[in-house]
Amino acid sequence: MKKRTLLSRDFVICSMIAFFYIMMFFMTYTGMTAYVRDEFQTDSMIAAIAVSIFIVGDLIARLFSNRIIDKLGLKMTVVASLLVSSILSIMYLAAWDVASMCLLRLVHGMAYGAMGTAVNTKVSLSIPSERMGEGMGYFMMSVSIGSALGPMACMMLSEDGVFTDVFLLGFAMSLMGFVCSLFLTKDAPAGERQERPKGLVERSAIPISVVALVFFFSYSGVLSFISSYGNEIGLAEFATFFFVALSVSTLVSRMFLGKIYDTRGENALMIPSFLLFILGMAIFATTDNGWLLLLSGAMMGVNVALMLSIGNAVVIKLTKRDRVAVAISTFNIFVDLAYVIGPIVIGMLIDDMGYRDSYMAMAAVATISLILYYVLHGRLVTAGKIPKGSF
């Protein structure tokens, strides 16, 4: 039987949209704390709230995204969300105080969350079920590239402390995503759509989502404090390229490892990649060598890549077709919770314990996420209670 192609119209367009919105997100996420603190003369805690409130908006939207998609359809949800995102991106330049910036960030996060769920659902429905791991891996490559270029673009454009060009490029990214969304295929007419079961959370997605919550909690401290950690240990120049090493690793992983998931199952990939992440975090916490710092990023990047792409593939596998949007939303809610809670808790740990001990503690947390993976999911795959790999 001839294999169905991955490179459908929706797959390609969704991948382009994902690149644009991920690059926009990481550009503003990386620089927003410094911008709010310096522009509005506020303290770091208030500035951090202006950053994290975006993810609060994202969480709110993901909770209700299934209902939004039912009302508008997948394509119109993407189109409308990206139009709103484009408008809000340019409005950052008009924010006159911290409160107005927080309001913009909250609404922008809501648009981002609704659009992200709709795009992920749209692309998952375009991937042949027997090639889900491979397809999600290729799709997530756009996320890897965007997450590498976003922070780099922010640092290059804001070297002189002026963020105007950062916001203008963020606006351009959102606008290009909006233009791409106009070319997505139309959804089925309203009368042909199946009635979706109600509910804000998909129960079958909760076990792997809990694993993702604990894992990304441990990783969030790296994402949030790498710049200040690099200064602390005298490796600021290497820290600038840390996410390049991590993103190259995620890119390579997503190019080649999805096929292994489809044929050999998730345990063959996830357990080794968890161990690699734990070792990478331990090196990250203890090294004084710049090249080892970059190596640790590459090691951690493998599991960051697989937890997202295979995590999405697993929740799709375990969910009925009419609940896919809810399942993807559930998984991403738990990931986003980690990014809301993690920096706050880890920041408190750093104040109390210092950077190195805090990151060693995060290696222990990553170990807990490995144990949870095996208890909640991996052992069931081994026992044959959950089919391994794709459908």
Protein backbone atom coordinates (compact mmCIF):
# COMPACT_ATOMS: atom_id res chain seq x y z
CA MET A 1 0.00 0.00 0.00
CA LYS A 2 1.31 3.42 -0.93
CA LYS A 3 2.11 5.62 2.05
CA ARG A 4 0.04 8.79 2.31
CA THR A 5 2.13 11.94 1.93
CA LEU A 6 2.99 14.13 4.89
CA LEU A 7 3.49 17.25 2.81
CA SER A 8 -0.14 18.17 2.37
CA ARG A 9 -1.21 21.79 1.92
CA ASP A 10 -2.36 22.13 5.54
CA PHE A 11 0.80 20.48 6.89
CA VAL A 12 3.10 22.91 5.08
CA ILE A 13 1.03 25.99 5.93
CA CYS A 14 0.63 25.01 9.60
CA SER A 15 4.41 24.48 9.82
CA MET A 16 5.01 27.98 8.42
CA ILE A 17 2.49 29.50 10.85
CA ALA A 18 4.10 27.65 13.77
CA PHE A 19 7.53 29.03 12.84
CA PHE A 20 6.21 32.60 12.70
CA TYR A 21 4.27 32.53 15.97
CA ILE A 22 6.96 30.66 17.92
CA MET A 23 9.61 33.13 16.75
CA MET A 24 7.33 36.02 17.77
CA PHE A 25 6.70 34.43 21.18
CA PHE A 26 10.36 33.83 22.00
CA MET A 27 11.41 37.28 20.80
CA THR A 28 9.01 39.03 23.16
CA TYR A 29 9.41 36.47 25.98
CA THR A 30 13.19 36.85 25.98
CA GLY A 31 13.25 40.64 26.09
CA MET A 32 10.02 41.63 27.84
CA THR A 33 11.33 41.52 31.42
CA ALA A 34 14.18 43.91 30.65
CA TYR A 35 11.94 46.15 28.53
CA VAL A 36 9.22 46.54 31.19
CA ARG A 37 11.75 47.05 33.99
CA ASP A 38 13.69 49.74 32.11
CA GLU A 39 10.88 51.43 30.17
CA PHE A 40 8.47 51.77 33.10
CA GLN A 41 11.09 51.97 35.89
CA THR A 42 9.64 49.06 37.87
CA ASP A 43 11.21 46.20 39.83
CA SER A 44 12.05 42.76 38.46
CA MET A 45 9.08 41.03 40.12
CA ILE A 46 6.54 43.33 38.44
CA ALA A 47 8.41 42.98 35.16
CA ALA A 48 8.28 39.18 35.51
CA ILE A 49 4.50 39.37 35.97
CA ALA A 50 4.22 41.24 32.67
CA VAL A 51 6.01 38.30 31.05
CA SER A 52 4.15 35.44 32.76
CA ILE A 53 0.68 36.98 32.38
CA PHE A 54 0.95 36.15 28.66
CA ILE A 55 1.01 32.46 29.60
CA VAL A 56 -1.95 33.01 31.96
CA GLY A 57 -3.92 34.29 28.96
CA ASP A 58 -2.71 31.31 26.95
CA LEU A 59 -3.97 28.95 29.66
CA ILE A 60 -7.38 30.62 29.79
CA ALA A 61 -7.77 30.29 26.01
CA ARG A 62 -6.68 26.65 25.96
CA LEU A 63 -9.30 25.77 28.59
CA PHE A 64 -12.04 27.04 26.29
CA SER A 65 -10.40 26.47 22.91
CA ASN A 66 -12.58 23.47 22.08
CA ARG A 67 -15.70 25.62 22.39
CA ILE A 68 -14.10 28.38 20.32
CA ILE A 69 -13.19 25.88 17.60
CA ASP A 70 -16.73 24.46 17.66
CA LYS A 71 -18.13 27.95 17.07
CA LEU A 72 -15.65 29.21 14.46
CA GLY A 73 -14.07 26.09 13.01
CA LEU A 74 -10.34 25.40 12.91
CA LYS A 75 -9.43 27.70 10.01
CA MET A 76 -11.38 30.72 11.25
CA THR A 77 -9.98 30.26 14.77
CA VAL A 78 -6.46 30.42 13.35
CA VAL A 79 -7.24 33.37 11.06
CA ALA A 80 -9.03 35.43 13.73
CA SER A 81 -6.40 34.70 16.41
CA LEU A 82 -3.51 35.70 14.16
CA LEU A 83 -5.29 38.89 13.11
CA VAL A 84 -5.77 39.84 16.77
CA SER A 85 -2.17 38.83 17.51
CA SER A 86 -0.88 41.09 14.72
CA ILE A 87 -2.81 44.09 16.07
CA LEU A 88 -1.65 43.48 19.65
CA SER A 89 1.98 43.00 18.58
CA ILE A 90 2.21 46.52 17.18
CA MET A 91 0.25 47.95 20.14
CA TYR A 92 3.15 47.07 22.49
CA LEU A 93 4.79 50.26 21.22
CA ALA A 94 1.80 52.28 22.45
CA ALA A 95 1.66 50.86 26.01
CA TRP A 96 1.94 53.78 28.44
CA ASP A 97 2.40 51.96 31.78
CA VAL A 98 2.82 48.52 33.33
CA ALA A 99 -0.95 47.97 33.67
CA SER A 100 -1.60 48.61 29.98
CA MET A 101 1.29 46.34 29.00
CA CYS A 102 -0.04 43.56 31.27
CA LEU A 103 -3.51 43.90 29.71
CA LEU A 104 -2.01 43.67 26.20
CA ARG A 105 0.04 40.63 27.21
CA LEU A 106 -2.98 38.90 28.76
CA VAL A 107 -5.17 39.32 25.66
CA HIS A 108 -2.25 38.48 23.38
CA GLY A 109 -1.72 35.25 25.33
CA MET A 110 -5.38 34.35 24.87
CA ALA A 111 -5.09 34.83 21.10
CA TYR A 112 -1.88 32.79 21.08
CA GLY A 113 -3.46 29.93 23.05
CA ALA A 114 -6.55 29.64 20.85
CA MET A 115 -4.46 29.80 17.69
CA GLY A 116 -1.88 27.27 18.95
CA THR A 117 -4.53 24.67 19.79
CA ALA A 118 -6.27 25.14 16.44
CA VAL A 119 -3.00 24.91 14.45
CA ASN A 120 -1.87 21.77 16.30
CA THR A 121 -5.26 20.17 15.77
CA LYS A 122 -5.37 21.14 12.10
CA VAL A 123 -1.92 19.67 11.44
CA SER A 124 -2.61 16.48 13.43
CA LEU A 125 -5.69 15.82 11.30
CA SER A 126 -3.57 16.20 8.14
CA ILE A 127 -1.00 13.58 9.21
CA PRO A 128 -1.60 9.90 8.30
CA SER A 129 -2.27 8.03 11.56
CA GLU A 130 0.42 5.41 10.85
CA ARG A 131 3.04 8.19 10.49
CA MET A 132 1.98 10.36 13.45
CA GLY A 133 5.34 10.31 15.25
CA GLU A 134 7.29 11.12 12.08
CA GLY A 135 4.79 13.80 11.06
CA MET A 136 4.69 15.53 14.45
CA GLY A 137 8.48 15.42 14.55
CA TYR A 138 8.76 17.19 11.19
CA PHE A 139 6.07 19.70 12.18
CA MET A 140 7.86 20.51 15.42
CA MET A 141 11.04 21.30 13.48
CA SER A 142 9.45 24.67 12.71
CA VAL A 143 9.14 25.19 16.47
CA SER A 144 12.83 24.34 16.93
CA ILE A 145 13.93 26.87 14.30
CA GLY A 146 11.63 29.59 15.64
CA SER A 147 12.73 29.02 19.24
CA ALA A 148 16.38 29.34 18.18
CA LEU A 149 16.02 32.43 16.00
CA GLY A 150 13.60 34.27 18.32
CA PRO A 151 15.91 34.81 21.32
CA MET A 152 18.87 35.46 19.01
CA ALA A 153 16.95 38.11 17.05
CA CYS A 154 15.82 39.75 20.30
CA MET A 155 19.36 39.95 21.68
CA MET A 156 20.76 41.31 18.40
CA LEU A 157 18.02 43.92 17.87
CA SER A 158 18.04 45.14 21.48
CA GLU A 159 21.80 45.37 22.04
CA ASP A 160 21.50 49.13 22.59
CA GLY A 161 18.56 48.69 25.01
CA VAL A 162 15.95 49.85 22.46
CA PHE A 163 13.17 47.32 21.74
CA THR A 164 11.32 49.09 18.91
CA ASP A 165 12.81 46.80 16.25
CA VAL A 166 11.97 43.73 18.35
CA PHE A 167 8.29 44.67 18.46
CA LEU A 168 8.24 45.61 14.78
CA LEU A 169 9.71 42.24 13.80
CA GLY A 170 7.24 40.51 16.13
CA PHE A 171 4.44 42.34 14.32
CA ALA A 172 5.86 41.22 10.96
CA MET A 173 6.00 37.59 12.15
CA SER A 174 2.36 37.69 13.29
CA LEU A 175 1.28 39.36 10.06
CA MET A 176 3.03 36.75 7.91
CA GLY A 177 1.37 34.01 9.96
CA PHE A 178 -2.00 35.67 9.36
CA VAL A 179 -1.41 35.80 5.59
CA CYS A 180 -0.44 32.11 5.58
CA SER A 181 -3.58 31.18 7.52
CA LEU A 182 -5.78 32.52 4.72
CA PHE A 183 -4.59 29.64 2.53
CA LEU A 184 -5.54 26.81 4.92
CA THR A 185 -8.17 24.43 3.54
CA LYS A 186 -11.76 25.08 4.53
CA ASP A 187 -13.31 23.07 7.36
CA ALA A 188 -16.28 20.82 6.80
CA PRO A 189 -19.57 22.76 6.60
CA ALA A 190 -21.19 23.27 9.99
CA GLY A 191 -23.92 20.75 9.21
CA GLU A 192 -21.35 18.03 8.49
CA ARG A 193 -19.34 18.50 11.67
CA GLN A 194 -19.83 15.91 14.34
CA GLU A 195 -21.17 17.03 17.68
CA ARG A 196 -18.18 17.20 20.01
CA PRO A 197 -18.46 15.77 23.52
CA LYS A 198 -18.39 18.46 26.19
CA GLY A 199 -15.58 18.97 28.68
CA LEU A 200 -12.60 21.24 29.11
CA VAL A 201 -10.04 18.48 29.80
CA GLU A 202 -9.46 15.11 28.12
CA ARG A 203 -8.92 12.47 30.83
CA SER A 204 -6.90 10.12 28.61
CA ALA A 205 -4.31 12.88 28.09
CA ILE A 206 -3.75 13.58 31.80
CA PRO A 207 -1.05 10.94 32.61
CA ILE A 208 1.44 12.02 29.92
CA SER A 209 0.49 15.65 30.60
CA VAL A 210 1.47 15.28 34.27
CA VAL A 211 4.85 13.92 33.13
CA ALA A 212 5.25 16.95 30.86
CA LEU A 213 4.32 19.32 33.71
CA VAL A 214 7.06 17.98 36.00
CA PHE A 215 9.62 17.76 33.21
CA PHE A 216 9.08 21.28 31.85
CA PHE A 217 9.05 22.63 35.41
CA SER A 218 12.68 21.45 35.67
CA TYR A 219 13.53 22.90 32.25
CA SER A 220 11.79 26.27 32.79
CA GLY A 221 14.57 27.48 35.08
CA VAL A 222 17.07 27.07 32.26
CA LEU A 223 14.87 29.01 29.85
CA SER A 224 14.25 31.85 32.31
CA PHE A 225 17.66 32.36 33.94
CA ILE A 226 20.31 31.29 31.41
CA SER A 227 21.43 34.88 30.79
CA SER A 228 21.95 35.75 34.45
CA TYR A 229 23.45 32.30 35.13
CA GLY A 230 25.96 32.81 32.32
CA ASN A 231 27.01 36.11 33.89
CA GLU A 232 27.22 34.49 37.33
CA ILE A 233 29.63 31.75 36.22
CA GLY A 234 31.64 33.94 33.82
CA LEU A 235 30.38 32.30 30.63
CA ALA A 236 28.12 35.05 29.30
CA GLU A 237 29.36 34.74 25.69
CA PHE A 238 28.73 30.99 25.62
CA ALA A 239 25.34 31.45 27.30
CA THR A 240 24.28 33.61 24.33
CA PHE A 241 24.64 30.55 22.08
CA PHE A 242 23.21 28.03 24.55
CA PHE A 243 19.79 28.00 22.89
CA VAL A 244 21.40 27.64 19.47
CA ALA A 245 23.03 24.39 20.64
CA LEU A 246 19.78 23.28 22.26
CA SER A 247 17.70 24.14 19.20
CA VAL A 248 20.07 22.40 16.77
CA SER A 249 19.74 19.32 18.96
CA THR A 250 15.94 19.52 18.96
CA LEU A 251 15.94 20.04 15.19
CA VAL A 252 18.09 16.97 14.52
CA SER A 253 16.06 14.89 16.98
CA ARG A 254 12.78 15.79 15.32
CA MET A 255 14.18 15.06 11.86
CA PHE A 256 15.20 11.49 12.60
CA LEU A 257 13.61 10.09 15.75
CA GLY A 258 9.91 10.30 14.87
CA LYS A 259 10.19 7.22 12.65
CA ILE A 260 11.56 5.22 15.59
CA TYR A 261 8.47 6.15 17.61
CA ASP A 262 6.22 4.94 14.78
CA THR A 263 7.96 1.56 14.54
CA ARG A 264 9.41 0.80 18.00
CA GLY A 265 7.27 2.89 20.33
CA GLU A 266 7.80 5.70 22.78
CA ASN A 267 9.77 3.80 25.44
CA ALA A 268 12.64 3.19 23.00
CA LEU A 269 13.09 6.96 22.79
CA MET A 270 11.76 8.56 25.94
CA ILE A 271 13.65 6.62 28.59
CA PRO A 272 17.13 7.21 27.04
CA SER A 273 16.32 10.86 26.31
CA PHE A 274 15.20 11.45 29.91
CA LEU A 275 18.53 10.03 31.12
CA LEU A 276 20.38 12.25 28.65
CA PHE A 277 18.51 15.32 29.93
CA ILE A 278 19.29 14.50 33.58
CA LEU A 279 22.99 14.13 32.76
CA GLY A 280 22.90 17.34 30.73
CA MET A 281 21.28 19.25 33.60
CA ALA A 282 23.95 17.96 36.00
CA ILE A 283 26.71 19.17 33.65
CA PHE A 284 24.90 22.50 33.22
CA ALA A 285 24.77 22.93 37.02
CA THR A 286 28.44 22.19 37.65
CA THR A 287 30.53 23.22 34.64
CA ASP A 288 32.92 26.15 34.38
CA ASN A 289 33.73 25.31 30.76
CA GLY A 290 31.90 27.10 27.95
CA TRP A 291 32.00 24.17 25.55
CA LEU A 292 30.56 21.85 28.19
CA LEU A 293 27.81 24.40 28.75
CA LEU A 294 26.91 24.17 25.06
CA LEU A 295 27.15 20.36 25.19
CA SER A 296 24.71 20.31 28.10
CA GLY A 297 22.28 22.33 25.99
CA ALA A 298 22.55 19.84 23.14
CA MET A 299 21.96 16.95 25.56
CA MET A 300 18.91 18.57 27.12
CA GLY A 301 17.51 19.51 23.72
CA VAL A 302 16.82 15.89 22.77
CA ASN A 303 14.24 15.35 25.51
CA VAL A 304 12.78 18.84 25.12
CA ALA A 305 12.10 17.92 21.48
CA LEU A 306 10.72 14.45 22.17
CA MET A 307 8.55 15.43 25.13
CA LEU A 308 6.67 17.90 22.93
CA SER A 309 6.41 15.96 19.66
CA ILE A 310 5.91 12.47 21.12
CA GLY A 311 3.76 13.85 23.94
CA ASN A 312 1.39 15.29 21.34
CA ALA A 313 1.52 12.07 19.31
CA VAL A 314 0.68 9.99 22.41
CA VAL A 315 -2.36 12.07 23.41
CA ILE A 316 -3.63 11.92 19.82
CA LYS A 317 -3.15 8.13 19.80
CA LEU A 318 -5.09 7.68 23.04
CA THR A 319 -7.97 9.99 22.11
CA LYS A 320 -11.03 9.66 19.92
CA ARG A 321 -10.90 11.81 16.80
CA ASP A 322 -13.65 14.16 17.99
CA ARG A 323 -11.65 14.85 21.19
CA VAL A 324 -8.29 15.58 19.57
CA ALA A 325 -8.52 19.36 20.07
CA VAL A 326 -9.37 18.88 23.77
CA ALA A 327 -6.53 16.36 24.21
CA ILE A 328 -3.95 18.66 22.60
CA SER A 329 -5.27 21.56 24.67
CA THR A 330 -5.00 19.46 27.86
CA PHE A 331 -1.38 18.54 27.15
CA ASN A 332 -0.41 22.14 26.40
CA ILE A 333 -2.22 23.45 29.50
CA PHE A 334 0.05 21.29 31.66
CA VAL A 335 3.15 22.41 29.73
CA ASP A 336 2.14 26.06 30.11
CA LEU A 337 1.50 25.59 33.84
CA ALA A 338 5.10 24.47 34.17
CA TYR A 339 6.27 27.69 32.50
CA VAL A 340 4.08 29.78 34.83
CA ILE A 341 4.99 28.06 38.10
CA GLY A 342 8.57 27.02 37.33
CA PRO A 343 10.33 30.39 37.00
CA ILE A 344 8.65 31.70 40.17
CA VAL A 345 9.59 28.68 42.32
CA ILE A 346 13.05 28.28 40.81
CA GLY A 347 13.69 32.01 41.17
CA MET A 348 12.95 31.67 44.89
CA LEU A 349 15.29 28.67 45.10
CA ILE A 350 18.05 30.62 43.38
CA ASP A 351 17.68 33.45 45.91
CA ASP A 352 17.96 30.92 48.73
CA MET A 353 20.37 28.28 47.37
CA GLY A 354 22.22 29.89 44.49
CA TYR A 355 22.21 28.88 40.83
CA ARG A 356 24.24 25.68 40.94
CA ASP A 357 22.38 23.98 43.79
CA SER A 358 19.06 25.02 42.28
CA TYR A 359 19.91 23.46 38.93
CA MET A 360 21.09 20.28 40.64
CA ALA A 361 17.70 20.21 42.35
CA MET A 362 16.13 20.49 38.89
CA ALA A 363 18.13 17.45 37.78
CA ALA A 364 16.44 15.62 40.66
CA VAL A 365 13.04 16.92 39.52
CA ALA A 366 13.79 15.63 36.00
CA THR A 367 14.55 12.24 37.55
CA ILE A 368 11.11 12.31 39.18
CA SER A 369 9.56 13.04 35.78
CA LEU A 370 11.31 9.94 34.36
CA ILE A 371 9.89 7.81 37.18
CA LEU A 372 6.43 9.28 36.59
CA TYR A 373 6.74 8.57 32.87
CA TYR A 374 7.39 4.89 33.51
CA VAL A 375 4.72 4.52 36.21
CA LEU A 376 1.96 6.45 34.42
CA HIS A 377 2.65 5.45 30.82
CA GLY A 378 5.82 3.49 30.01
CA ARG A 379 4.99 0.33 31.99
CA LEU A 380 1.56 0.17 30.33
CA VAL A 381 3.25 0.24 26.93
CA THR A 382 5.64 -2.51 28.05
CA ALA A 383 2.70 -4.60 29.30
CA GLY A 384 0.85 -4.15 26.02
CA LYS A 385 -2.04 -2.28 27.65
CA ILE A 386 -1.22 0.75 25.49
CA PRO A 387 -0.14 0.13 21.88
CA LYS A 388 3.40 1.29 21.22
CA GLY A 389 4.15 3.77 18.50
CA SER A 390 1.56 5.04 16.06
CA PHE A 391 -1.86 3.53 15.41
